[in-house]
Amino acid sequence: MEIVKNLSTSRPLKSVFVILIGTLLLAVSSKIKIPFYPVPMTMQTMVVLIIGIGFGWKLGVATIALYLFEGIIGLPVFSGTPEKGIGLVYFTGPTMGYLIGFLIAVFFAGKFNYNKNLLINFCKLSFSISIIYICGMLWLGSLIGWDKPVFKLGAQPFLLAELFKILLVTFAINYIKKIKKII
């Protein structure tokens, strides 16, 4: 009971708790995946949007940065860990661009103001997700070579699922925004 009292009175402690919960959500969402090659499809992009909207851009960026740090130091929080390696070795693999894109996407998702216009909200969320794919394909292309079909490997298989995830978040925005009031 003492922890609950401390969380309600200490803003920094509450922020740390929220960030840790966010990294836990990201780690769990990374394990919910459909295997594709060379990049698996996970629920992380949806969680990145939810964190941005629900936590705001400052706590959102802090959450993603801590999540990336956890993975880089070897905690098995990334999608293919531990079976495909851990730490910096895994981080610098095919998914690094997407992971870096999480930082930029959560910034935009948290910075945008959302209103009752579903189409505009959908466009803002689509923009945020597109940053992840642009960063991901840039890294993937530099890693596997630009002579390979980078778009076909790094984005095309995921577009329909991303559309669905963006639609879910678009319709849930008003509920997700309530998280900010709690924090």
C-alpha atoms as a PDB file:
ATOM      1  CA  MET A   1       0.000   0.000   0.000  1.00  0.00           C
ATOM      2  CA  GLU A   2       2.924   2.311   0.719  1.00  0.00           C
ATOM      3  CA  ILE A   3       4.090   2.022  -2.919  1.00  0.00           C
ATOM      4  CA  VAL A   4       0.716   3.208  -4.191  1.00  0.00           C
ATOM      5  CA  LYS A   5       0.842   6.232  -1.861  1.00  0.00           C
ATOM      6  CA  ASN A   6       4.367   7.088  -3.009  1.00  0.00           C
ATOM      7  CA  LEU A   7       3.386   6.803  -6.679  1.00  0.00           C
ATOM      8  CA  SER A   8       0.496   9.198  -6.244  1.00  0.00           C
ATOM      9  CA  THR A   9       2.652  11.834  -4.522  1.00  0.00           C
ATOM     10  CA  SER A  10       5.945  11.516  -6.393  1.00  0.00           C
ATOM     11  CA  ARG A  11       5.804  12.597 -10.046  1.00  0.00           C
ATOM     12  CA  PRO A  12       9.318  11.327 -10.966  1.00  0.00           C
ATOM     13  CA  LEU A  13       8.630   7.962  -9.348  1.00  0.00           C
ATOM     14  CA  LYS A  14       5.319   7.740 -11.176  1.00  0.00           C
ATOM     15  CA  SER A  15       7.043   8.570 -14.486  1.00  0.00           C
ATOM     16  CA  VAL A  16       9.654   5.857 -13.951  1.00  0.00           C
ATOM     17  CA  PHE A  17       6.894   3.360 -13.161  1.00  0.00           C
ATOM     18  CA  VAL A  18       4.980   4.340 -16.316  1.00  0.00           C
ATOM     19  CA  ILE A  19       8.126   4.066 -18.456  1.00  0.00           C
ATOM     20  CA  LEU A  20       8.893   0.604 -17.058  1.00  0.00           C
ATOM     21  CA  ILE A  21       5.321  -0.530 -17.760  1.00  0.00           C
ATOM     22  CA  GLY A  22       5.724   0.816 -21.309  1.00  0.00           C
ATOM     23  CA  THR A  23       8.930  -1.143 -21.883  1.00  0.00           C
ATOM     24  CA  LEU A  24       7.208  -4.256 -20.567  1.00  0.00           C
ATOM     25  CA  LEU A  25       4.326  -3.727 -23.018  1.00  0.00           C
ATOM     26  CA  LEU A  26       6.801  -3.302 -25.862  1.00  0.00           C
ATOM     27  CA  ALA A  27       8.680  -6.459 -24.893  1.00  0.00           C
ATOM     28  CA  VAL A  28       5.471  -8.492 -24.721  1.00  0.00           C
ATOM     29  CA  SER A  29       4.225  -7.023 -28.019  1.00  0.00           C
ATOM     30  CA  SER A  30       7.536  -7.959 -29.669  1.00  0.00           C
ATOM     31  CA  LYS A  31       6.913 -11.600 -28.854  1.00  0.00           C
ATOM     32  CA  ILE A  32       3.455 -11.566 -30.518  1.00  0.00           C
ATOM     33  CA  LYS A  33       4.661 -12.078 -34.060  1.00  0.00           C
ATOM     34  CA  ILE A  34       4.042 -13.561 -37.446  1.00  0.00           C
ATOM     35  CA  PRO A  35       7.345 -14.741 -38.902  1.00  0.00           C
ATOM     36  CA  PHE A  36       8.431 -12.993 -42.083  1.00  0.00           C
ATOM     37  CA  TYR A  37      11.909 -12.759 -43.539  1.00  0.00           C
ATOM     38  CA  PRO A  38      14.049 -10.775 -42.922  1.00  0.00           C
ATOM     39  CA  VAL A  39      11.844  -8.733 -40.540  1.00  0.00           C
ATOM     40  CA  PRO A  40       9.052 -10.341 -38.462  1.00  0.00           C
ATOM     41  CA  MET A  41       5.641  -8.674 -38.074  1.00  0.00           C
ATOM     42  CA  THR A  42       4.867  -7.846 -34.449  1.00  0.00           C
ATOM     43  CA  MET A  43       2.354  -5.802 -32.481  1.00  0.00           C
ATOM     44  CA  GLN A  44       5.061  -3.310 -31.511  1.00  0.00           C
ATOM     45  CA  THR A  45       4.062  -0.625 -33.988  1.00  0.00           C
ATOM     46  CA  MET A  46       0.597  -0.481 -32.462  1.00  0.00           C
ATOM     47  CA  VAL A  47       2.051  -0.286 -28.948  1.00  0.00           C
ATOM     48  CA  VAL A  48       4.409   2.494 -30.081  1.00  0.00           C
ATOM     49  CA  LEU A  49       1.369   4.523 -31.207  1.00  0.00           C
ATOM     50  CA  ILE A  50      -0.481   3.802 -27.974  1.00  0.00           C
ATOM     51  CA  ILE A  51       2.542   4.842 -25.910  1.00  0.00           C
ATOM     52  CA  GLY A  52       2.910   8.059 -27.902  1.00  0.00           C
ATOM     53  CA  ILE A  53      -0.748   9.008 -27.557  1.00  0.00           C
ATOM     54  CA  GLY A  54      -1.180   7.782 -23.990  1.00  0.00           C
ATOM     55  CA  PHE A  55       2.134   8.849 -22.469  1.00  0.00           C
ATOM     56  CA  GLY A  56       2.852  11.976 -24.516  1.00  0.00           C
ATOM     57  CA  TRP A  57       5.998  12.560 -26.513  1.00  0.00           C
ATOM     58  CA  LYS A  58       8.398  13.064 -23.573  1.00  0.00           C
ATOM     59  CA  LEU A  59       7.528   9.913 -21.648  1.00  0.00           C
ATOM     60  CA  GLY A  60       7.024   8.109 -24.953  1.00  0.00           C
ATOM     61  CA  VAL A  61      10.548   8.858 -26.174  1.00  0.00           C
ATOM     62  CA  ALA A  62      11.946   7.972 -22.738  1.00  0.00           C
ATOM     63  CA  THR A  63      10.067   4.658 -22.839  1.00  0.00           C
ATOM     64  CA  ILE A  64      11.335   3.715 -26.305  1.00  0.00           C
ATOM     65  CA  ALA A  65      14.885   4.818 -25.439  1.00  0.00           C
ATOM     66  CA  LEU A  66      14.879   2.649 -22.306  1.00  0.00           C
ATOM     67  CA  TYR A  67      13.415  -0.266 -24.275  1.00  0.00           C
ATOM     68  CA  LEU A  68      16.197   0.040 -26.879  1.00  0.00           C
ATOM     69  CA  PHE A  69      18.798   0.281 -24.121  1.00  0.00           C
ATOM     70  CA  GLU A  70      17.393  -2.840 -22.450  1.00  0.00           C
ATOM     71  CA  GLY A  71      17.723  -4.719 -25.720  1.00  0.00           C
ATOM     72  CA  ILE A  72      21.213  -3.406 -26.477  1.00  0.00           C
ATOM     73  CA  ILE A  73      22.552  -4.513 -23.085  1.00  0.00           C
ATOM     74  CA  GLY A  74      21.234  -8.009 -23.702  1.00  0.00           C
ATOM     75  CA  LEU A  75      17.800  -8.303 -22.152  1.00  0.00           C
ATOM     76  CA  PRO A  76      15.647 -10.479 -24.446  1.00  0.00           C
ATOM     77  CA  VAL A  77      13.091  -7.751 -25.233  1.00  0.00           C
ATOM     78  CA  PHE A  78      13.420  -7.651 -29.022  1.00  0.00           C
ATOM     79  CA  SER A  79      11.317  -9.787 -31.345  1.00  0.00           C
ATOM     80  CA  GLY A  80      13.909 -12.403 -32.314  1.00  0.00           C
ATOM     81  CA  THR A  81      15.718 -12.638 -28.990  1.00  0.00           C
ATOM     82  CA  PRO A  82      17.159 -14.809 -27.593  1.00  0.00           C
ATOM     83  CA  GLU A  83      16.924 -17.344 -30.457  1.00  0.00           C
ATOM     84  CA  LYS A  84      18.578 -14.999 -33.010  1.00  0.00           C
ATOM     85  CA  GLY A  85      21.106 -13.451 -30.647  1.00  0.00           C
ATOM     86  CA  ILE A  86      20.941 -10.736 -28.050  1.00  0.00           C
ATOM     87  CA  GLY A  87      22.278  -7.314 -27.315  1.00  0.00           C
ATOM     88  CA  LEU A  88      24.110  -5.113 -29.754  1.00  0.00           C
ATOM     89  CA  VAL A  89      24.591  -7.979 -32.225  1.00  0.00           C
ATOM     90  CA  TYR A  90      20.827  -8.402 -32.612  1.00  0.00           C
ATOM     91  CA  PHE A  91      20.161  -4.654 -32.490  1.00  0.00           C
ATOM     92  CA  THR A  92      22.451  -3.966 -35.447  1.00  0.00           C
ATOM     93  CA  GLY A  93      20.769  -6.672 -37.524  1.00  0.00           C
ATOM     94  CA  PRO A  94      17.974  -6.241 -40.096  1.00  0.00           C
ATOM     95  CA  THR A  95      15.521  -4.676 -37.617  1.00  0.00           C
ATOM     96  CA  MET A  96      17.717  -1.814 -36.359  1.00  0.00           C
ATOM     97  CA  GLY A  97      16.201   0.801 -38.653  1.00  0.00           C
ATOM     98  CA  TYR A  98      12.697  -0.115 -37.520  1.00  0.00           C
ATOM     99  CA  LEU A  99      13.745   0.030 -33.868  1.00  0.00           C
ATOM    100  CA  ILE A 100      15.309   3.483 -34.352  1.00  0.00           C
ATOM    101  CA  GLY A 101      12.137   4.487 -36.196  1.00  0.00           C
ATOM    102  CA  PHE A 102      10.180   3.715 -33.020  1.00  0.00           C
ATOM    103  CA  LEU A 103      11.840   6.738 -31.373  1.00  0.00           C
ATOM    104  CA  ILE A 104      10.774   9.125 -34.114  1.00  0.00           C
ATOM    105  CA  ALA A 105       7.308   7.587 -34.484  1.00  0.00           C
ATOM    106  CA  VAL A 106       6.540   7.822 -30.760  1.00  0.00           C
ATOM    107  CA  PHE A 107       7.651  11.457 -30.833  1.00  0.00           C
ATOM    108  CA  PHE A 108       5.195  12.322 -33.602  1.00  0.00           C
ATOM    109  CA  ALA A 109       2.389  10.153 -32.209  1.00  0.00           C
ATOM    110  CA  GLY A 110       2.823  11.915 -28.870  1.00  0.00           C
ATOM    111  CA  LYS A 111       3.248  15.403 -30.282  1.00  0.00           C
ATOM    112  CA  PHE A 112       0.184  15.423 -32.545  1.00  0.00           C
ATOM    113  CA  ASN A 113      -3.105  16.762 -31.225  1.00  0.00           C
ATOM    114  CA  TYR A 114      -5.979  14.393 -31.856  1.00  0.00           C
ATOM    115  CA  ASN A 115      -9.582  15.484 -32.238  1.00  0.00           C
ATOM    116  CA  LYS A 116     -12.874  13.920 -33.256  1.00  0.00           C
ATOM    117  CA  ASN A 117     -11.990  13.848 -36.973  1.00  0.00           C
ATOM    118  CA  LEU A 118     -11.211  10.186 -37.634  1.00  0.00           C
ATOM    119  CA  LEU A 119      -9.705  10.807 -41.072  1.00  0.00           C
ATOM    120  CA  ILE A 120      -7.220  13.398 -39.815  1.00  0.00           C
ATOM    121  CA  ASN A 121      -6.321  11.224 -36.822  1.00  0.00           C
ATOM    122  CA  PHE A 122      -5.842   8.261 -39.165  1.00  0.00           C
ATOM    123  CA  CYS A 123      -3.503  10.357 -41.345  1.00  0.00           C
ATOM    124  CA  LYS A 124      -1.449  11.468 -38.327  1.00  0.00           C
ATOM    125  CA  LEU A 125      -1.069   7.888 -37.142  1.00  0.00           C
ATOM    126  CA  SER A 126      -0.229   6.698 -40.659  1.00  0.00           C
ATOM    127  CA  PHE A 127       2.486   9.346 -40.865  1.00  0.00           C
ATOM    128  CA  SER A 128       3.916   8.182 -37.522  1.00  0.00           C
ATOM    129  CA  ILE A 129       3.992   4.537 -38.639  1.00  0.00           C
ATOM    130  CA  SER A 130       5.474   5.456 -42.016  1.00  0.00           C
ATOM    131  CA  ILE A 131       8.526   6.864 -40.204  1.00  0.00           C
ATOM    132  CA  ILE A 132       9.201   3.394 -38.778  1.00  0.00           C
ATOM    133  CA  TYR A 133       9.068   1.837 -42.241  1.00  0.00           C
ATOM    134  CA  ILE A 134      11.177   4.529 -43.891  1.00  0.00           C
ATOM    135  CA  CYS A 135      13.916   4.162 -41.271  1.00  0.00           C
ATOM    136  CA  GLY A 136      13.599   0.385 -41.423  1.00  0.00           C
ATOM    137  CA  MET A 137      13.882   0.164 -45.191  1.00  0.00           C
ATOM    138  CA  LEU A 138      16.808   2.603 -45.277  1.00  0.00           C
ATOM    139  CA  TRP A 139      18.740   0.419 -42.840  1.00  0.00           C
ATOM    140  CA  LEU A 140      17.604  -2.832 -44.454  1.00  0.00           C
ATOM    141  CA  GLY A 141      18.675  -1.606 -47.885  1.00  0.00           C
ATOM    142  CA  SER A 142      22.095  -0.593 -46.626  1.00  0.00           C
ATOM    143  CA  LEU A 143      22.460  -3.959 -44.892  1.00  0.00           C
ATOM    144  CA  ILE A 144      21.268  -6.397 -47.573  1.00  0.00           C
ATOM    145  CA  GLY A 145      22.013  -4.245 -50.607  1.00  0.00           C
ATOM    146  CA  TRP A 146      19.931  -1.924 -52.728  1.00  0.00           C
ATOM    147  CA  ASP A 147      19.891  -4.440 -55.561  1.00  0.00           C
ATOM    148  CA  LYS A 148      17.441  -6.520 -53.475  1.00  0.00           C
ATOM    149  CA  PRO A 149      13.686  -5.734 -53.419  1.00  0.00           C
ATOM    150  CA  VAL A 150      13.846  -3.739 -50.180  1.00  0.00           C
ATOM    151  CA  PHE A 151      10.233  -2.506 -50.288  1.00  0.00           C
ATOM    152  CA  LYS A 152       8.934  -6.021 -50.980  1.00  0.00           C
ATOM    153  CA  LEU A 153      10.933  -7.433 -48.070  1.00  0.00           C
ATOM    154  CA  GLY A 154      10.754  -4.561 -45.594  1.00  0.00           C
ATOM    155  CA  ALA A 155       7.293  -3.018 -45.963  1.00  0.00           C
ATOM    156  CA  GLN A 156       4.892  -4.606 -48.432  1.00  0.00           C
ATOM    157  CA  PRO A 157       4.094  -7.762 -46.399  1.00  0.00           C
ATOM    158  CA  PHE A 158       3.131  -5.617 -43.406  1.00  0.00           C
ATOM    159  CA  LEU A 159       0.955  -2.932 -44.999  1.00  0.00           C
ATOM    160  CA  LEU A 160      -2.421  -4.621 -44.594  1.00  0.00           C
ATOM    161  CA  ALA A 161      -1.733  -5.503 -40.959  1.00  0.00           C
ATOM    162  CA  GLU A 162      -0.487  -1.955 -40.298  1.00  0.00           C
ATOM    163  CA  LEU A 163      -3.646  -0.544 -41.816  1.00  0.00           C
ATOM    164  CA  PHE A 164      -5.693  -2.669 -39.428  1.00  0.00           C
ATOM    165  CA  LYS A 165      -3.579  -1.650 -36.406  1.00  0.00           C
ATOM    166  CA  ILE A 166      -3.818   2.040 -37.335  1.00  0.00           C
ATOM    167  CA  LEU A 167      -7.597   1.725 -37.686  1.00  0.00           C
ATOM    168  CA  LEU A 168      -7.840   0.098 -34.247  1.00  0.00           C
ATOM    169  CA  VAL A 169      -5.812   2.882 -32.658  1.00  0.00           C
ATOM    170  CA  THR A 170      -7.750   5.560 -34.566  1.00  0.00           C
ATOM    171  CA  PHE A 171     -11.048   4.312 -33.177  1.00  0.00           C
ATOM    172  CA  ALA A 172      -9.567   3.936 -29.677  1.00  0.00           C
ATOM    173  CA  ILE A 173      -7.846   7.348 -29.510  1.00  0.00           C
ATOM    174  CA  ASN A 174     -10.306   8.847 -27.023  1.00  0.00           C
ATOM    175  CA  TYR A 175      -9.745   5.924 -24.652  1.00  0.00           C
ATOM    176  CA  ILE A 176      -5.978   6.001 -25.107  1.00  0.00           C
ATOM    177  CA  LYS A 177      -5.838   9.765 -24.427  1.00  0.00           C
ATOM    178  CA  LYS A 178      -7.328   9.101 -20.979  1.00  0.00           C
ATOM    179  CA  ILE A 179      -4.031   7.463 -19.979  1.00  0.00           C
ATOM    180  CA  LYS A 180      -2.430  10.945 -19.983  1.00  0.00           C
ATOM    181  CA  LYS A 181      -4.895  12.101 -17.341  1.00  0.00           C
ATOM    182  CA  ILE A 182      -3.867   9.234 -15.067  1.00  0.00           C
ATOM    183  CA  ILE A 183      -0.173   9.908 -15.566  1.00  0.00           C
END
